[in-house]
PDB file of N, CA and C in Angstrom:
ATOM      1  N   MET A   1      19.114  19.451 -44.491  1.00  0.00           N
ATOM      2  CA  MET A   1      19.423  19.371 -43.290  1.00  0.00           C
ATOM      3  C   MET A   1      18.125  18.959 -42.794  1.00  0.00           C
ATOM      4  N   ALA A   2      18.360  17.711 -41.832  1.00  0.00           N
ATOM      5  CA  ALA A   2      17.332  16.737 -41.304  1.00  0.00           C
ATOM      6  C   ALA A   2      16.442  17.737 -40.219  1.00  0.00           C
ATOM      7  N   THR A   3      15.593  17.425 -40.034  1.00  0.00           N
ATOM      8  CA  THR A   3      14.505  18.132 -39.326  1.00  0.00           C
ATOM      9  C   THR A   3      14.517  16.915 -37.570  1.00  0.00           C
ATOM     10  N   ALA A   4      15.283  17.449 -36.400  1.00  0.00           N
ATOM     11  CA  ALA A   4      14.833  15.910 -34.929  1.00  0.00           C
ATOM     12  C   ALA A   4      13.435  16.218 -34.819  1.00  0.00           C
ATOM     13  N   LYS A   5      13.120  14.804 -34.743  1.00  0.00           N
ATOM     14  CA  LYS A   5      11.161  15.346 -33.795  1.00  0.00           C
ATOM     15  C   LYS A   5      11.968  15.280 -32.436  1.00  0.00           C
ATOM     16  N   PRO A   6      10.714  15.775 -31.590  1.00  0.00           N
ATOM     17  CA  PRO A   6      10.678  15.638 -30.157  1.00  0.00           C
ATOM     18  C   PRO A   6      10.812  14.209 -29.540  1.00  0.00           C
ATOM     19  N   ALA A   7      11.370  14.081 -28.606  1.00  0.00           N
ATOM     20  CA  ALA A   7      11.249  13.259 -27.720  1.00  0.00           C
ATOM     21  C   ALA A   7       9.831  13.004 -27.289  1.00  0.00           C
ATOM     22  N   VAL A   8       9.564  11.384 -27.367  1.00  0.00           N
ATOM     23  CA  VAL A   8       8.768  11.068 -26.715  1.00  0.00           C
ATOM     24  C   VAL A   8       8.410  10.723 -25.930  1.00  0.00           C
ATOM     25  N   ALA A   9       7.885  11.297 -24.561  1.00  0.00           N
ATOM     26  CA  ALA A   9       7.709  10.667 -23.511  1.00  0.00           C
ATOM     27  C   ALA A   9       7.054   9.279 -23.306  1.00  0.00           C
ATOM     28  N   THR A  10       8.152   8.572 -22.484  1.00  0.00           N
ATOM     29  CA  THR A  10       7.439   6.981 -22.251  1.00  0.00           C
ATOM     30  C   THR A  10       7.387   6.456 -20.847  1.00  0.00           C
ATOM     31  N   MET A  11       6.403   5.977 -20.929  1.00  0.00           N
ATOM     32  CA  MET A  11       6.597   4.767 -19.255  1.00  0.00           C
ATOM     33  C   MET A  11       6.677   3.416 -19.609  1.00  0.00           C
ATOM     34  N   LYS A  12       6.956   2.805 -18.441  1.00  0.00           N
ATOM     35  CA  LYS A  12       6.964   1.373 -18.364  1.00  0.00           C
ATOM     36  C   LYS A  12       6.148   1.052 -18.364  1.00  0.00           C
ATOM     37  N   ALA A  13       5.185  -0.143 -18.498  1.00  0.00           N
ATOM     38  CA  ALA A  13       3.764  -1.163 -18.177  1.00  0.00           C
ATOM     39  C   ALA A  13       4.359  -2.532 -17.781  1.00  0.00           C
ATOM     40  N   ALA A  14       3.321  -2.809 -17.036  1.00  0.00           N
ATOM     41  CA  ALA A  14       3.134  -4.384 -16.773  1.00  0.00           C
ATOM     42  C   ALA A  14       1.651  -5.221 -17.720  1.00  0.00           C
ATOM     43  N   GLN A  15       1.909  -5.478 -19.224  1.00  0.00           N
ATOM     44  CA  GLN A  15       0.450  -5.133 -19.632  1.00  0.00           C
ATOM     45  C   GLN A  15       0.108  -7.224 -19.776  1.00  0.00           C
ATOM     46  N   ILE A  16      -1.067  -7.678 -20.189  1.00  0.00           N
ATOM     47  CA  ILE A  16      -1.182  -8.973 -20.530  1.00  0.00           C
ATOM     48  C   ILE A  16      -1.383  -8.924 -21.778  1.00  0.00           C
ATOM     49  N   PRO A  17      -0.830  -9.651 -22.323  1.00  0.00           N
ATOM     50  CA  PRO A  17      -0.590  -9.475 -23.918  1.00  0.00           C
ATOM     51  C   PRO A  17      -1.417 -10.297 -24.516  1.00  0.00           C
ATOM     52  N   ARG A  18      -2.674 -11.329 -24.179  1.00  0.00           N
ATOM     53  CA  ARG A  18      -4.148 -11.823 -23.922  1.00  0.00           C
ATOM     54  C   ARG A  18      -4.357 -12.881 -23.197  1.00  0.00           C
ATOM     55  N   PRO A  19      -5.641 -13.102 -23.108  1.00  0.00           N
ATOM     56  CA  PRO A  19      -6.223 -14.113 -22.121  1.00  0.00           C
ATOM     57  C   PRO A  19      -5.567 -15.471 -21.714  1.00  0.00           C
ATOM     58  N   GLY A  20      -5.175 -15.400 -20.227  1.00  0.00           N
ATOM     59  CA  GLY A  20      -3.938 -16.502 -19.826  1.00  0.00           C
ATOM     60  C   GLY A  20      -2.776 -16.354 -20.236  1.00  0.00           C
ATOM     61  N   GLY A  21      -2.311 -15.042 -20.271  1.00  0.00           N
ATOM     62  CA  GLY A  21      -0.757 -14.672 -20.859  1.00  0.00           C
ATOM     63  C   GLY A  21      -0.253 -13.856 -20.224  1.00  0.00           C
ATOM     64  N   ASP A  22       0.973 -14.152 -19.636  1.00  0.00           N
ATOM     65  CA  ASP A  22       1.644 -14.206 -18.481  1.00  0.00           C
ATOM     66  C   ASP A  22       2.105 -12.182 -18.793  1.00  0.00           C
ATOM     67  N   PHE A  23       2.475 -11.864 -17.575  1.00  0.00           N
ATOM     68  CA  PHE A  23       2.957 -10.575 -17.211  1.00  0.00           C
ATOM     69  C   PHE A  23       4.201  -9.917 -18.535  1.00  0.00           C
ATOM     70  N   GLU A  24       4.217  -8.908 -18.909  1.00  0.00           N
ATOM     71  CA  GLU A  24       5.275  -8.717 -19.502  1.00  0.00           C
ATOM     72  C   GLU A  24       5.707  -7.159 -19.407  1.00  0.00           C
ATOM     73  N   ILE A  25       6.912  -6.290 -19.896  1.00  0.00           N
ATOM     74  CA  ILE A  25       7.075  -5.125 -19.689  1.00  0.00           C
ATOM     75  C   ILE A  25       7.407  -4.562 -21.094  1.00  0.00           C
ATOM     76  N   THR A  26       6.587  -3.429 -21.514  1.00  0.00           N
ATOM     77  CA  THR A  26       6.473  -2.866 -22.223  1.00  0.00           C
ATOM     78  C   THR A  26       6.713  -1.200 -22.357  1.00  0.00           C
ATOM     79  N   GLU A  27       7.470  -0.754 -23.199  1.00  0.00           N
ATOM     80  CA  GLU A  27       7.208   1.116 -23.318  1.00  0.00           C
ATOM     81  C   GLU A  27       5.891   1.382 -23.633  1.00  0.00           C
ATOM     82  N   ARG A  28       5.558   2.304 -23.264  1.00  0.00           N
ATOM     83  CA  ARG A  28       3.956   2.792 -23.754  1.00  0.00           C
ATOM     84  C   ARG A  28       4.469   4.479 -24.097  1.00  0.00           C
ATOM     85  N   GLU A  29       4.347   5.400 -24.948  1.00  0.00           N
ATOM     86  CA  GLU A  29       3.748   6.718 -24.752  1.00  0.00           C
ATOM     87  C   GLU A  29       2.976   7.010 -23.634  1.00  0.00           C
ATOM     88  N   ILE A  30       3.446   8.153 -23.039  1.00  0.00           N
ATOM     89  CA  ILE A  30       2.844   8.815 -22.190  1.00  0.00           C
ATOM     90  C   ILE A  30       1.311   9.713 -22.323  1.00  0.00           C
ATOM     91  N   PRO A  31      -0.142   9.200 -22.390  1.00  0.00           N
ATOM     92  CA  PRO A  31      -0.626  10.197 -23.225  1.00  0.00           C
ATOM     93  C   PRO A  31      -0.910  11.265 -22.582  1.00  0.00           C
ATOM     94  N   LYS A  32      -1.424  11.922 -23.388  1.00  0.00           N
ATOM     95  CA  LYS A  32      -1.721  13.090 -22.549  1.00  0.00           C
ATOM     96  C   LYS A  32      -3.423  13.651 -21.848  1.00  0.00           C
ATOM     97  N   PRO A  33      -3.362  14.083 -21.243  1.00  0.00           N
ATOM     98  CA  PRO A  33      -4.405  13.808 -20.470  1.00  0.00           C
ATOM     99  C   PRO A  33      -5.692  14.929 -21.378  1.00  0.00           C
ATOM    100  N   GLY A  34      -6.903  14.242 -21.382  1.00  0.00           N
ATOM    101  CA  GLY A  34      -8.115  15.083 -21.861  1.00  0.00           C
ATOM    102  C   GLY A  34      -8.348  16.530 -20.592  1.00  0.00           C
ATOM    103  N   PRO A  35      -9.554  17.002 -21.164  1.00  0.00           N
ATOM    104  CA  PRO A  35     -10.560  18.065 -20.939  1.00  0.00           C
ATOM    105  C   PRO A  35     -10.420  17.180 -19.311  1.00  0.00           C
ATOM    106  N   ALA A  36     -10.616  18.266 -17.936  1.00  0.00           N
ATOM    107  CA  ALA A  36     -11.052  17.863 -17.041  1.00  0.00           C
ATOM    108  C   ALA A  36      -9.644  16.552 -15.705  1.00  0.00           C
ATOM    109  N   GLU A  37      -8.792  16.050 -16.762  1.00  0.00           N
ATOM    110  CA  GLU A  37      -8.160  14.655 -15.933  1.00  0.00           C
ATOM    111  C   GLU A  37      -6.338  15.685 -15.709  1.00  0.00           C
ATOM    112  N   VAL A  38      -6.189  15.135 -14.903  1.00  0.00           N
ATOM    113  CA  VAL A  38      -5.014  15.380 -14.540  1.00  0.00           C
ATOM    114  C   VAL A  38      -3.903  14.464 -15.006  1.00  0.00           C
ATOM    115  N   ARG A  39      -2.429  14.325 -15.404  1.00  0.00           N
ATOM    116  CA  ARG A  39      -1.438  13.292 -15.219  1.00  0.00           C
ATOM    117  C   ARG A  39      -0.797  13.337 -14.060  1.00  0.00           C
ATOM    118  N   ILE A  40      -0.958  11.527 -13.196  1.00  0.00           N
ATOM    119  CA  ILE A  40       0.012  12.048 -12.042  1.00  0.00           C
ATOM    120  C   ILE A  40       0.887  10.460 -12.270  1.00  0.00           C
ATOM    121  N   LYS A  41       2.562  10.971 -11.587  1.00  0.00           N
ATOM    122  CA  LYS A  41       2.880  10.264 -11.812  1.00  0.00           C
ATOM    123  C   LYS A  41       3.616   8.747 -10.656  1.00  0.00           C
ATOM    124  N   VAL A  42       3.195   7.724 -11.267  1.00  0.00           N
ATOM    125  CA  VAL A  42       2.765   6.791 -10.418  1.00  0.00           C
ATOM    126  C   VAL A  42       4.141   6.079 -10.336  1.00  0.00           C
ATOM    127  N   GLN A  43       4.872   5.767  -9.255  1.00  0.00           N
ATOM    128  CA  GLN A  43       5.842   5.191  -8.805  1.00  0.00           C
ATOM    129  C   GLN A  43       5.841   3.639  -8.305  1.00  0.00           C
ATOM    130  N   ALA A  44       4.564   3.032  -7.579  1.00  0.00           N
ATOM    131  CA  ALA A  44       4.198   1.256  -8.082  1.00  0.00           C
ATOM    132  C   ALA A  44       2.581   1.672  -8.075  1.00  0.00           C
ATOM    133  N   CYS A  45       1.903   0.490  -8.370  1.00  0.00           N
ATOM    134  CA  CYS A  45       0.601  -0.048  -8.415  1.00  0.00           C
ATOM    135  C   CYS A  45       0.677  -1.531  -8.353  1.00  0.00           C
ATOM    136  N   GLY A  46      -0.492  -1.462  -7.861  1.00  0.00           N
ATOM    137  CA  GLY A  46      -0.942  -3.184  -6.834  1.00  0.00           C
ATOM    138  C   GLY A  46      -1.760  -3.530  -7.502  1.00  0.00           C
ATOM    139  N   ILE A  47      -2.103  -4.431  -7.879  1.00  0.00           N
ATOM    140  CA  ILE A  47      -3.161  -5.145  -8.772  1.00  0.00           C
ATOM    141  C   ILE A  47      -3.991  -5.719  -7.404  1.00  0.00           C
ATOM    142  N   CYS A  48      -5.378  -6.273  -7.515  1.00  0.00           N
ATOM    143  CA  CYS A  48      -6.051  -7.191  -7.343  1.00  0.00           C
ATOM    144  C   CYS A  48      -6.796  -8.228  -7.321  1.00  0.00           C
ATOM    145  N   HIS A  49      -7.760  -9.232  -6.939  1.00  0.00           N
ATOM    146  CA  HIS A  49      -8.350 -10.154  -7.760  1.00  0.00           C
ATOM    147  C   HIS A  49      -9.094  -9.940  -9.284  1.00  0.00           C
ATOM    148  N   SER A  50      -9.526  -8.276  -9.391  1.00  0.00           N
ATOM    149  CA  SER A  50     -10.476  -8.241 -10.352  1.00  0.00           C
ATOM    150  C   SER A  50      -8.886  -8.423 -12.002  1.00  0.00           C
ATOM    151  N   ASP A  51      -7.978  -8.206 -11.416  1.00  0.00           N
ATOM    152  CA  ASP A  51      -6.855  -8.078 -12.525  1.00  0.00           C
ATOM    153  C   ASP A  51      -6.402  -9.542 -12.567  1.00  0.00           C
ATOM    154  N   ALA A  52      -6.710 -10.514 -11.773  1.00  0.00           N
ATOM    155  CA  ALA A  52      -6.479 -11.936 -11.702  1.00  0.00           C
ATOM    156  C   ALA A  52      -7.126 -12.042 -12.866  1.00  0.00           C
ATOM    157  N   PHE A  53      -8.840 -11.388 -12.462  1.00  0.00           N
ATOM    158  CA  PHE A  53      -9.816 -12.138 -14.004  1.00  0.00           C
ATOM    159  C   PHE A  53      -9.079 -12.150 -15.126  1.00  0.00           C
ATOM    160  N   THR A  54      -8.826 -10.810 -15.283  1.00  0.00           N
ATOM    161  CA  THR A  54      -8.222  -9.786 -16.489  1.00  0.00           C
ATOM    162  C   THR A  54      -7.298 -10.994 -17.466  1.00  0.00           C
ATOM    163  N   LYS A  55      -6.227 -10.857 -15.942  1.00  0.00           N
ATOM    164  CA  LYS A  55      -5.522 -12.026 -16.855  1.00  0.00           C
ATOM    165  C   LYS A  55      -5.490 -13.579 -17.214  1.00  0.00           C
ATOM    166  N   ASP A  56      -6.257 -14.008 -16.618  1.00  0.00           N
ATOM    167  CA  ASP A  56      -7.091 -15.257 -17.069  1.00  0.00           C
ATOM    168  C   ASP A  56      -7.913 -14.964 -18.185  1.00  0.00           C
ATOM    169  N   GLY A  57      -8.677 -14.110 -18.253  1.00  0.00           N
ATOM    170  CA  GLY A  57      -9.685 -13.782 -19.673  1.00  0.00           C
ATOM    171  C   GLY A  57     -11.431 -14.775 -19.008  1.00  0.00           C
ATOM    172  N   SER A  58     -10.957 -14.183 -17.825  1.00  0.00           N
ATOM    173  CA  SER A  58     -12.639 -14.240 -17.082  1.00  0.00           C
ATOM    174  C   SER A  58     -13.443 -13.122 -17.374  1.00  0.00           C
ATOM    175  N   TRP A  59     -13.070 -11.869 -17.867  1.00  0.00           N
ATOM    176  CA  TRP A  59     -14.491 -10.455 -17.906  1.00  0.00           C
ATOM    177  C   TRP A  59     -14.693 -10.866 -19.516  1.00  0.00           C
ATOM    178  N   PRO A  60     -15.280 -10.914 -20.112  1.00  0.00           N
ATOM    179  CA  PRO A  60     -16.415 -10.886 -21.156  1.00  0.00           C
ATOM    180  C   PRO A  60     -15.914  -9.795 -22.254  1.00  0.00           C
ATOM    181  N   GLY A  61     -15.460  -9.771 -23.367  1.00  0.00           N
ATOM    182  CA  GLY A  61     -16.029  -8.487 -23.887  1.00  0.00           C
ATOM    183  C   GLY A  61     -14.352  -7.383 -23.901  1.00  0.00           C
ATOM    184  N   ILE A  62     -13.342  -7.438 -22.637  1.00  0.00           N
ATOM    185  CA  ILE A  62     -12.283  -6.653 -22.740  1.00  0.00           C
ATOM    186  C   ILE A  62     -11.326  -7.213 -23.621  1.00  0.00           C
ATOM    187  N   GLN A  63     -10.617  -6.248 -24.099  1.00  0.00           N
ATOM    188  CA  GLN A  63      -9.809  -6.334 -25.610  1.00  0.00           C
ATOM    189  C   GLN A  63      -8.186  -5.900 -24.793  1.00  0.00           C
ATOM    190  N   TYR A  64      -7.546  -6.624 -25.528  1.00  0.00           N
ATOM    191  CA  TYR A  64      -5.960  -7.428 -25.002  1.00  0.00           C
ATOM    192  C   TYR A  64      -4.923  -6.285 -26.272  1.00  0.00           C
ATOM    193  N   PRO A  65      -3.835  -6.195 -26.384  1.00  0.00           N
ATOM    194  CA  PRO A  65      -3.359  -6.411 -24.648  1.00  0.00           C
ATOM    195  C   PRO A  65      -4.144  -5.046 -23.772  1.00  0.00           C
ATOM    196  N   ARG A  66      -3.470  -5.566 -22.757  1.00  0.00           N
ATOM    197  CA  ARG A  66      -4.678  -4.777 -21.619  1.00  0.00           C
ATOM    198  C   ARG A  66      -3.603  -4.807 -20.471  1.00  0.00           C
ATOM    199  N   ILE A  67      -3.237  -3.370 -19.747  1.00  0.00           N
ATOM    200  CA  ILE A  67      -2.836  -3.348 -18.789  1.00  0.00           C
ATOM    201  C   ILE A  67      -3.147  -2.840 -17.302  1.00  0.00           C
ATOM    202  N   PRO A  68      -3.260  -3.942 -16.928  1.00  0.00           N
ATOM    203  CA  PRO A  68      -3.852  -3.727 -15.134  1.00  0.00           C
ATOM    204  C   PRO A  68      -3.404  -3.587 -14.547  1.00  0.00           C
ATOM    205  N   GLY A  69      -4.286  -2.955 -12.962  1.00  0.00           N
ATOM    206  CA  GLY A  69      -3.280  -1.709 -12.497  1.00  0.00           C
ATOM    207  C   GLY A  69      -4.114  -0.621 -11.882  1.00  0.00           C
ATOM    208  N   HIS A  70      -5.848  -0.800 -10.808  1.00  0.00           N
ATOM    209  CA  HIS A  70      -6.169   0.164 -10.927  1.00  0.00           C
ATOM    210  C   HIS A  70      -5.945   0.623  -9.325  1.00  0.00           C
ATOM    211  N   ASN A  71      -5.150   0.330  -8.506  1.00  0.00           N
ATOM    212  CA  ASN A  71      -4.444   0.097  -6.804  1.00  0.00           C
ATOM    213  C   ASN A  71      -3.583   1.497  -6.502  1.00  0.00           C
ATOM    214  N   THR A  72      -4.012   2.299  -7.676  1.00  0.00           N
ATOM    215  CA  THR A  72      -3.378   4.062  -7.002  1.00  0.00           C
ATOM    216  C   THR A  72      -4.553   4.934  -6.820  1.00  0.00           C
ATOM    217  N   TRP A  73      -5.007   3.625  -5.783  1.00  0.00           N
ATOM    218  CA  TRP A  73      -6.614   4.341  -5.839  1.00  0.00           C
ATOM    219  C   TRP A  73      -6.109   5.271  -4.407  1.00  0.00           C
ATOM    220  N   TRP A  74      -5.916   5.611  -3.704  1.00  0.00           N
ATOM    221  CA  TRP A  74      -5.230   6.116  -2.354  1.00  0.00           C
ATOM    222  C   TRP A  74      -4.549   8.118  -2.731  1.00  0.00           C
ATOM    223  N   LEU A  75      -3.809   7.850  -3.777  1.00  0.00           N
ATOM    224  CA  LEU A  75      -3.168   9.021  -4.597  1.00  0.00           C
ATOM    225  C   LEU A  75      -4.079   9.752  -5.451  1.00  0.00           C
ATOM    226  N   ARG A  76      -5.152   8.994  -6.081  1.00  0.00           N
ATOM    227  CA  ARG A  76      -6.590   9.895  -6.272  1.00  0.00           C
ATOM    228  C   ARG A  76      -7.092  10.104  -5.624  1.00  0.00           C
ATOM    229  N   TRP A  77      -7.254   9.569  -4.124  1.00  0.00           N
ATOM    230  CA  TRP A  77      -8.318  10.157  -3.939  1.00  0.00           C
ATOM    231  C   TRP A  77      -7.714  11.152  -2.701  1.00  0.00           C
ATOM    232  N   ARG A  78      -6.638  11.249  -2.491  1.00  0.00           N
ATOM    233  CA  ARG A  78      -5.691  12.412  -2.079  1.00  0.00           C
ATOM    234  C   ARG A  78      -5.296  13.685  -2.537  1.00  0.00           C
ATOM    235  N   LEU A  79      -5.245  12.877  -4.077  1.00  0.00           N
ATOM    236  CA  LEU A  79      -5.491  14.349  -5.140  1.00  0.00           C
ATOM    237  C   LEU A  79      -6.503  15.499  -5.028  1.00  0.00           C
ATOM    238  N   TRP A  80      -8.028  14.349  -5.023  1.00  0.00           N
ATOM    239  CA  TRP A  80      -9.004  14.794  -4.667  1.00  0.00           C
ATOM    240  C   TRP A  80      -9.451  15.733  -3.323  1.00  0.00           C
ATOM    241  N   TRP A  81      -9.275  15.127  -2.712  1.00  0.00           N
ATOM    242  CA  TRP A  81      -8.976  15.882  -1.536  1.00  0.00           C
ATOM    243  C   TRP A  81      -8.484  17.509  -1.620  1.00  0.00           C
ATOM    244  N   LEU A  82      -7.443  17.100  -2.072  1.00  0.00           N
ATOM    245  CA  LEU A  82      -6.476  18.361  -2.598  1.00  0.00           C
ATOM    246  C   LEU A  82      -6.859  19.551  -3.186  1.00  0.00           C
ATOM    247  N   TYR A  83      -7.848  18.337  -4.782  1.00  0.00           N
ATOM    248  CA  TYR A  83      -7.821  19.692  -5.189  1.00  0.00           C
ATOM    249  C   TYR A  83      -8.892  19.106  -5.820  1.00  0.00           C
ATOM    250  N   PRO A  84     -10.477  19.027  -5.174  1.00  0.00           N
ATOM    251  CA  PRO A  84     -11.647  18.625  -4.983  1.00  0.00           C
ATOM    252  C   PRO A  84     -12.591  19.195  -6.331  1.00  0.00           C
ATOM    253  N   LYS A  85     -11.968  19.853  -6.787  1.00  0.00           N
ATOM    254  CA  LYS A  85     -12.555  20.756  -8.607  1.00  0.00           C
ATOM    255  C   LYS A  85     -11.880  20.177  -9.537  1.00  0.00           C
ATOM    256  N   VAL A  86     -11.242  19.185  -9.980  1.00  0.00           N
ATOM    257  CA  VAL A  86     -10.270  19.138 -10.795  1.00  0.00           C
ATOM    258  C   VAL A  86     -10.975  17.559 -10.853  1.00  0.00           C
TER     259      VAL A  86
END
């Protein structure tokens, strides 16, 4: 009798495969939060000028593929405000 593997939770992400590469939509496994971390559901995320540098390959020493987009700041701030000890 075959044993069914549990389904792996996935998410969609826009990644940059290489310096100067175009954005591509990929399916990634949702990472498990570590100690003192929380998982949030991000419905939308913006990119900023530093992400444009990432796309262009202007930041030395970063690894690709790279998922830009750290502009969920308001949501992180809101979580901190509600749960400051998290």
